[in-house]
Amino acid sequence: MLIVGYQGKGSLGRRLVERPRSVSIHGKKIAVRANVWTLGGFSAHAGQSDLFKWFTQLAPSWLRVIITHGEDAPRKSLCASIQQQFSLTPELPLQGDVIEISRARAASDVLAS
């Protein structure tokens, strides 16, 4: 079995990379009999500097930033960097949290009503 790219903490991919004797899938214990190899360096994620370059164009118009992807330590670090550089305080929901997103009324909507 070839595992390509980063595998998040707690994911089945990460468990397989750690080469256990068995894994649990939907509550069923499965023996791992495959040879497991990893091939790093194929992540599709931009580095923080590339992400900030992209976000700089959008940040002035954003009222809300929600960081849902990644492990907690890197998410908190990214949150602190966004706070410092853009004066925005991102939300860091946990798995299972419910986030309500509503469409803010644009100035053109207000003028039209």
N, C-alpha and C. Protein backbone atom coordinates (compact mmCIF):
# COMPACT_ATOMS: atom_id res chain seq x y z
N MET A 1 0.84 -1.15 0.00
CA MET A 1 0.00 0.00 0.00
C MET A 1 0.90 1.23 0.00
N LEU A 2 0.59 2.17 -0.88
CA LEU A 2 1.36 3.41 -0.96
C LEU A 2 0.50 4.55 -0.44
N ILE A 3 0.95 5.21 0.61
CA ILE A 3 0.26 6.38 1.18
C ILE A 3 0.99 7.61 0.68
N VAL A 4 0.28 8.45 -0.07
CA VAL A 4 0.90 9.63 -0.69
C VAL A 4 0.45 10.89 0.04
N GLY A 5 1.42 11.71 0.45
CA GLY A 5 1.11 12.99 1.07
C GLY A 5 0.88 12.89 2.57
N TYR A 6 0.58 14.03 3.14
CA TYR A 6 0.39 14.16 4.59
C TYR A 6 -0.89 13.46 5.03
N GLN A 7 -0.83 12.77 6.16
CA GLN A 7 -1.99 12.11 6.75
C GLN A 7 -2.26 12.73 8.12
N GLY A 8 -3.43 13.30 8.29
CA GLY A 8 -3.78 14.00 9.53
C GLY A 8 -3.89 13.09 10.73
N LYS A 9 -3.58 13.67 11.88
CA LYS A 9 -3.65 12.94 13.15
C LYS A 9 -5.06 12.37 13.34
N GLY A 10 -5.13 11.10 13.70
CA GLY A 10 -6.41 10.46 13.94
C GLY A 10 -7.05 9.85 12.70
N SER A 11 -6.49 10.12 11.52
CA SER A 11 -7.07 9.58 10.29
C SER A 11 -6.63 8.13 10.08
N LEU A 12 -7.40 7.42 9.28
CA LEU A 12 -7.02 6.04 8.95
C LEU A 12 -5.67 6.02 8.25
N GLY A 13 -5.45 6.98 7.35
CA GLY A 13 -4.16 7.06 6.67
C GLY A 13 -3.00 7.17 7.63
N ARG A 14 -3.14 8.04 8.66
CA ARG A 14 -2.08 8.20 9.66
C ARG A 14 -1.88 6.91 10.44
N ARG A 15 -2.98 6.26 10.79
CA ARG A 15 -2.85 4.99 11.53
C ARG A 15 -2.10 3.96 10.69
N LEU A 16 -2.40 3.88 9.40
CA LEU A 16 -1.71 2.92 8.54
C LEU A 16 -0.23 3.26 8.40
N VAL A 17 0.09 4.56 8.31
CA VAL A 17 1.49 4.99 8.22
C VAL A 17 2.26 4.57 9.47
N GLU A 18 1.57 4.54 10.61
CA GLU A 18 2.21 4.14 11.88
C GLU A 18 2.37 2.63 11.99
N ARG A 19 1.93 1.90 10.98
CA ARG A 19 2.11 0.45 10.85
C ARG A 19 1.61 -0.38 12.05
N PRO A 20 0.34 -0.25 12.39
CA PRO A 20 -0.19 -1.09 13.48
C PRO A 20 -0.46 -2.51 12.97
N ARG A 21 -0.65 -3.43 13.88
CA ARG A 21 -0.99 -4.81 13.49
C ARG A 21 -2.43 -4.87 12.98
N SER A 22 -3.31 -3.95 13.50
CA SER A 22 -4.70 -3.92 13.05
C SER A 22 -5.22 -2.49 13.17
N VAL A 23 -6.31 -2.23 12.46
CA VAL A 23 -6.99 -0.93 12.54
C VAL A 23 -8.48 -1.20 12.70
N SER A 24 -9.19 -0.23 13.22
CA SER A 24 -10.63 -0.35 13.36
C SER A 24 -11.28 0.52 12.28
N ILE A 25 -12.14 -0.09 11.49
CA ILE A 25 -12.87 0.62 10.45
C ILE A 25 -14.36 0.38 10.69
N HIS A 26 -15.09 1.45 10.98
CA HIS A 26 -16.52 1.37 11.29
C HIS A 26 -16.77 0.35 12.40
N GLY A 27 -15.89 0.36 13.40
CA GLY A 27 -16.06 -0.50 14.56
C GLY A 27 -15.60 -1.94 14.36
N LYS A 28 -15.12 -2.25 13.18
CA LYS A 28 -14.67 -3.62 12.91
C LYS A 28 -13.14 -3.65 12.89
N LYS A 29 -12.55 -4.56 13.66
CA LYS A 29 -11.10 -4.69 13.72
C LYS A 29 -10.60 -5.44 12.49
N ILE A 30 -9.69 -4.80 11.76
CA ILE A 30 -9.14 -5.35 10.52
C ILE A 30 -7.63 -5.53 10.67
N ALA A 31 -7.13 -6.73 10.38
CA ALA A 31 -5.68 -6.98 10.42
C ALA A 31 -5.03 -6.25 9.26
N VAL A 32 -3.90 -5.63 9.52
CA VAL A 32 -3.14 -4.95 8.46
C VAL A 32 -2.06 -5.93 8.01
N ARG A 33 -2.26 -6.50 6.84
CA ARG A 33 -1.31 -7.46 6.31
C ARG A 33 -0.51 -6.88 5.14
N ALA A 34 -0.86 -5.68 4.72
CA ALA A 34 -0.18 -5.04 3.60
C ALA A 34 1.14 -4.42 4.04
N ASN A 35 2.08 -4.39 3.11
CA ASN A 35 3.28 -3.58 3.34
C ASN A 35 2.87 -2.13 3.07
N VAL A 36 3.27 -1.21 3.92
CA VAL A 36 2.87 0.19 3.79
C VAL A 36 4.10 1.05 3.55
N TRP A 37 4.07 1.79 2.46
CA TRP A 37 5.13 2.75 2.16
C TRP A 37 4.51 4.14 2.10
N THR A 38 5.31 5.13 2.42
CA THR A 38 4.83 6.51 2.35
C THR A 38 5.66 7.28 1.33
N LEU A 39 5.01 8.19 0.65
CA LEU A 39 5.66 9.04 -0.32
C LEU A 39 5.28 10.47 0.03
N GLY A 40 6.18 11.17 0.71
CA GLY A 40 5.91 12.54 1.13
C GLY A 40 6.19 13.52 0.00
N GLY A 41 5.88 14.78 0.25
CA GLY A 41 6.20 15.83 -0.71
C GLY A 41 5.15 16.04 -1.78
N PHE A 42 4.01 15.34 -1.68
CA PHE A 42 2.97 15.52 -2.69
C PHE A 42 1.74 16.22 -2.12
N SER A 43 1.90 16.95 -1.04
CA SER A 43 0.78 17.68 -0.47
C SER A 43 0.38 18.81 -1.40
N ALA A 44 -0.91 19.05 -1.50
CA ALA A 44 -1.42 20.12 -2.36
C ALA A 44 -1.51 21.44 -1.61
N HIS A 45 -1.08 21.48 -0.37
CA HIS A 45 -1.22 22.69 0.43
C HIS A 45 -0.12 23.70 0.13
N ALA A 46 -0.52 24.95 0.07
CA ALA A 46 0.46 26.03 -0.10
C ALA A 46 1.16 26.26 1.23
N GLY A 47 2.36 26.76 1.17
CA GLY A 47 3.05 27.15 2.38
C GLY A 47 2.40 28.42 2.92
N GLN A 48 2.72 28.76 4.17
CA GLN A 48 2.10 29.92 4.79
C GLN A 48 2.37 31.21 4.02
N SER A 49 3.58 31.37 3.47
CA SER A 49 3.88 32.60 2.72
C SER A 49 3.02 32.70 1.46
N ASP A 50 2.81 31.57 0.76
CA ASP A 50 1.93 31.57 -0.42
C ASP A 50 0.48 31.83 -0.02
N LEU A 51 0.07 31.24 1.09
CA LEU A 51 -1.29 31.44 1.58
C LEU A 51 -1.53 32.91 1.92
N PHE A 52 -0.56 33.54 2.58
CA PHE A 52 -0.70 34.96 2.94
C PHE A 52 -0.70 35.85 1.71
N LYS A 53 0.09 35.50 0.71
CA LYS A 53 0.11 36.27 -0.53
C LYS A 53 -1.28 36.28 -1.17
N TRP A 54 -1.92 35.13 -1.18
CA TRP A 54 -3.28 35.01 -1.70
C TRP A 54 -4.27 35.75 -0.81
N PHE A 55 -4.15 35.56 0.49
CA PHE A 55 -5.11 36.12 1.45
C PHE A 55 -5.02 37.65 1.55
N THR A 56 -3.85 38.22 1.30
CA THR A 56 -3.67 39.67 1.37
C THR A 56 -4.66 40.40 0.47
N GLN A 57 -4.96 39.81 -0.68
CA GLN A 57 -5.90 40.43 -1.62
C GLN A 57 -7.33 40.39 -1.09
N LEU A 58 -7.64 39.40 -0.27
CA LEU A 58 -9.01 39.21 0.21
C LEU A 58 -9.26 39.78 1.60
N ALA A 59 -8.25 39.84 2.43
CA ALA A 59 -8.40 40.18 3.84
C ALA A 59 -9.15 41.48 4.09
N PRO A 60 -8.92 42.56 3.33
CA PRO A 60 -9.63 43.80 3.64
C PRO A 60 -11.15 43.69 3.56
N SER A 61 -11.66 42.76 2.79
CA SER A 61 -13.11 42.64 2.62
C SER A 61 -13.72 41.54 3.50
N TRP A 62 -12.92 40.83 4.26
CA TRP A 62 -13.43 39.72 5.06
C TRP A 62 -13.78 40.18 6.47
N LEU A 63 -14.94 39.78 6.93
CA LEU A 63 -15.34 40.06 8.30
C LEU A 63 -15.13 38.85 9.19
N ARG A 64 -15.06 37.68 8.56
CA ARG A 64 -15.00 36.43 9.33
C ARG A 64 -14.07 35.44 8.64
N VAL A 65 -13.18 34.84 9.42
CA VAL A 65 -12.27 33.82 8.91
C VAL A 65 -12.44 32.59 9.80
N ILE A 66 -12.66 31.43 9.16
CA ILE A 66 -12.84 30.18 9.88
C ILE A 66 -11.80 29.19 9.37
N ILE A 67 -10.95 28.71 10.26
CA ILE A 67 -9.91 27.76 9.88
C ILE A 67 -10.35 26.37 10.34
N THR A 68 -10.72 25.54 9.36
CA THR A 68 -11.26 24.22 9.68
C THR A 68 -10.29 23.09 9.39
N HIS A 69 -9.23 23.37 8.65
CA HIS A 69 -8.36 22.30 8.19
C HIS A 69 -7.04 22.29 8.96
N GLY A 70 -6.57 21.10 9.27
CA GLY A 70 -5.26 20.97 9.91
C GLY A 70 -5.35 20.57 11.37
N GLU A 71 -4.19 20.30 11.93
CA GLU A 71 -4.10 19.92 13.34
C GLU A 71 -4.10 21.19 14.18
N ASP A 72 -4.41 21.05 15.48
CA ASP A 72 -4.61 22.21 16.34
C ASP A 72 -3.41 23.14 16.46
N ALA A 73 -2.22 22.61 16.67
CA ALA A 73 -1.05 23.49 16.86
C ALA A 73 -0.79 24.36 15.63
N PRO A 74 -0.75 23.79 14.41
CA PRO A 74 -0.56 24.64 13.24
C PRO A 74 -1.73 25.60 13.00
N ARG A 75 -2.96 25.18 13.31
CA ARG A 75 -4.11 26.09 13.14
C ARG A 75 -3.98 27.28 14.08
N LYS A 76 -3.57 27.03 15.32
CA LYS A 76 -3.40 28.12 16.28
C LYS A 76 -2.29 29.07 15.85
N SER A 77 -1.23 28.52 15.31
CA SER A 77 -0.12 29.35 14.82
C SER A 77 -0.58 30.20 13.64
N LEU A 78 -1.33 29.61 12.71
CA LEU A 78 -1.86 30.37 11.58
C LEU A 78 -2.82 31.45 12.06
N CYS A 79 -3.64 31.12 13.03
CA CYS A 79 -4.58 32.08 13.62
C CYS A 79 -3.83 33.29 14.19
N ALA A 80 -2.77 33.04 14.95
CA ALA A 80 -1.97 34.12 15.53
C ALA A 80 -1.34 34.99 14.44
N SER A 81 -0.86 34.37 13.38
CA SER A 81 -0.25 35.12 12.28
C SER A 81 -1.28 35.99 11.57
N ILE A 82 -2.48 35.46 11.37
CA ILE A 82 -3.54 36.23 10.72
C ILE A 82 -3.95 37.40 11.62
N GLN A 83 -4.04 37.15 12.93
CA GLN A 83 -4.38 38.24 13.86
C GLN A 83 -3.34 39.35 13.78
N GLN A 84 -2.09 38.97 13.80
CA GLN A 84 -1.00 39.95 13.80
C GLN A 84 -0.93 40.71 12.48
N GLN A 85 -1.02 40.02 11.36
CA GLN A 85 -0.81 40.65 10.07
C GLN A 85 -2.05 41.35 9.52
N PHE A 86 -3.25 40.83 9.83
CA PHE A 86 -4.46 41.35 9.20
C PHE A 86 -5.47 41.93 10.19
N SER A 87 -5.18 41.86 11.48
CA SER A 87 -6.10 42.35 12.52
C SER A 87 -7.47 41.67 12.45
N LEU A 88 -7.47 40.40 12.10
CA LEU A 88 -8.68 39.58 12.09
C LEU A 88 -8.48 38.46 13.10
N THR A 89 -9.55 38.03 13.75
CA THR A 89 -9.46 36.93 14.70
C THR A 89 -10.20 35.72 14.14
N PRO A 90 -9.46 34.78 13.55
CA PRO A 90 -10.11 33.59 12.97
C PRO A 90 -10.77 32.72 14.04
N GLU A 91 -11.80 32.03 13.61
CA GLU A 91 -12.46 31.05 14.46
C GLU A 91 -11.80 29.70 14.21
N LEU A 92 -11.64 28.91 15.26
CA LEU A 92 -11.01 27.59 15.16
C LEU A 92 -11.97 26.52 15.68
N PRO A 93 -12.99 26.17 14.90
CA PRO A 93 -13.95 25.17 15.37
C PRO A 93 -13.29 23.80 15.51
N LEU A 94 -13.87 23.00 16.38
CA LEU A 94 -13.41 21.63 16.57
C LEU A 94 -14.30 20.69 15.76
N GLN A 95 -13.82 19.49 15.52
CA GLN A 95 -14.61 18.51 14.78
C GLN A 95 -15.94 18.32 15.50
N GLY A 96 -17.01 18.39 14.74
CA GLY A 96 -18.34 18.22 15.31
C GLY A 96 -19.03 19.53 15.63
N ASP A 97 -18.28 20.63 15.70
CA ASP A 97 -18.90 21.94 15.95
C ASP A 97 -19.78 22.32 14.76
N VAL A 98 -20.85 23.02 15.04
CA VAL A 98 -21.74 23.52 14.00
C VAL A 98 -21.44 25.01 13.81
N ILE A 99 -21.24 25.40 12.56
CA ILE A 99 -20.93 26.80 12.24
C ILE A 99 -22.07 27.34 11.40
N GLU A 100 -22.65 28.44 11.85
CA GLU A 100 -23.71 29.07 11.08
C GLU A 100 -23.10 30.18 10.24
N ILE A 101 -23.35 30.10 8.95
CA ILE A 101 -22.83 31.10 8.02
C ILE A 101 -24.03 31.74 7.34
N SER A 102 -24.11 33.05 7.48
CA SER A 102 -25.20 33.75 6.81
C SER A 102 -24.61 34.77 5.85
N ARG A 103 -25.35 35.05 4.80
CA ARG A 103 -24.90 36.00 3.79
C ARG A 103 -25.12 37.40 4.34
N ALA A 104 -24.04 38.16 4.46
CA ALA A 104 -24.15 39.55 4.91
C ALA A 104 -24.77 40.37 3.78
N ARG A 105 -25.56 41.33 4.15
CA ARG A 105 -26.17 42.18 3.12
C ARG A 105 -25.15 43.16 2.60
N ALA A 106 -24.97 43.15 1.31
CA ALA A 106 -24.04 44.07 0.65
C ALA A 106 -24.68 45.45 0.57
N ALA A 107 -23.87 46.48 0.41
CA ALA A 107 -24.38 47.84 0.31
C ALA A 107 -25.39 47.95 -0.83
N SER A 108 -25.16 47.26 -1.94
CA SER A 108 -26.09 47.31 -3.07
C SER A 108 -27.45 46.72 -2.69
N ASP A 109 -27.46 45.69 -1.81
CA ASP A 109 -28.71 45.10 -1.35
C ASP A 109 -29.49 46.10 -0.51
N VAL A 110 -28.77 46.81 0.36
CA VAL A 110 -29.40 47.78 1.24
C VAL A 110 -30.01 48.92 0.42
N LEU A 111 -29.27 49.40 -0.58
CA LEU A 111 -29.75 50.49 -1.42
C LEU A 111 -30.96 50.06 -2.24
N ALA A 112 -31.02 48.81 -2.62
CA ALA A 112 -32.11 48.31 -3.46
C ALA A 112 -33.38 48.09 -2.64
N SER A 113 -33.27 47.95 -1.31
CA SER A 113 -34.47 47.65 -0.51
C SER A 113 -35.12 48.89 0.03
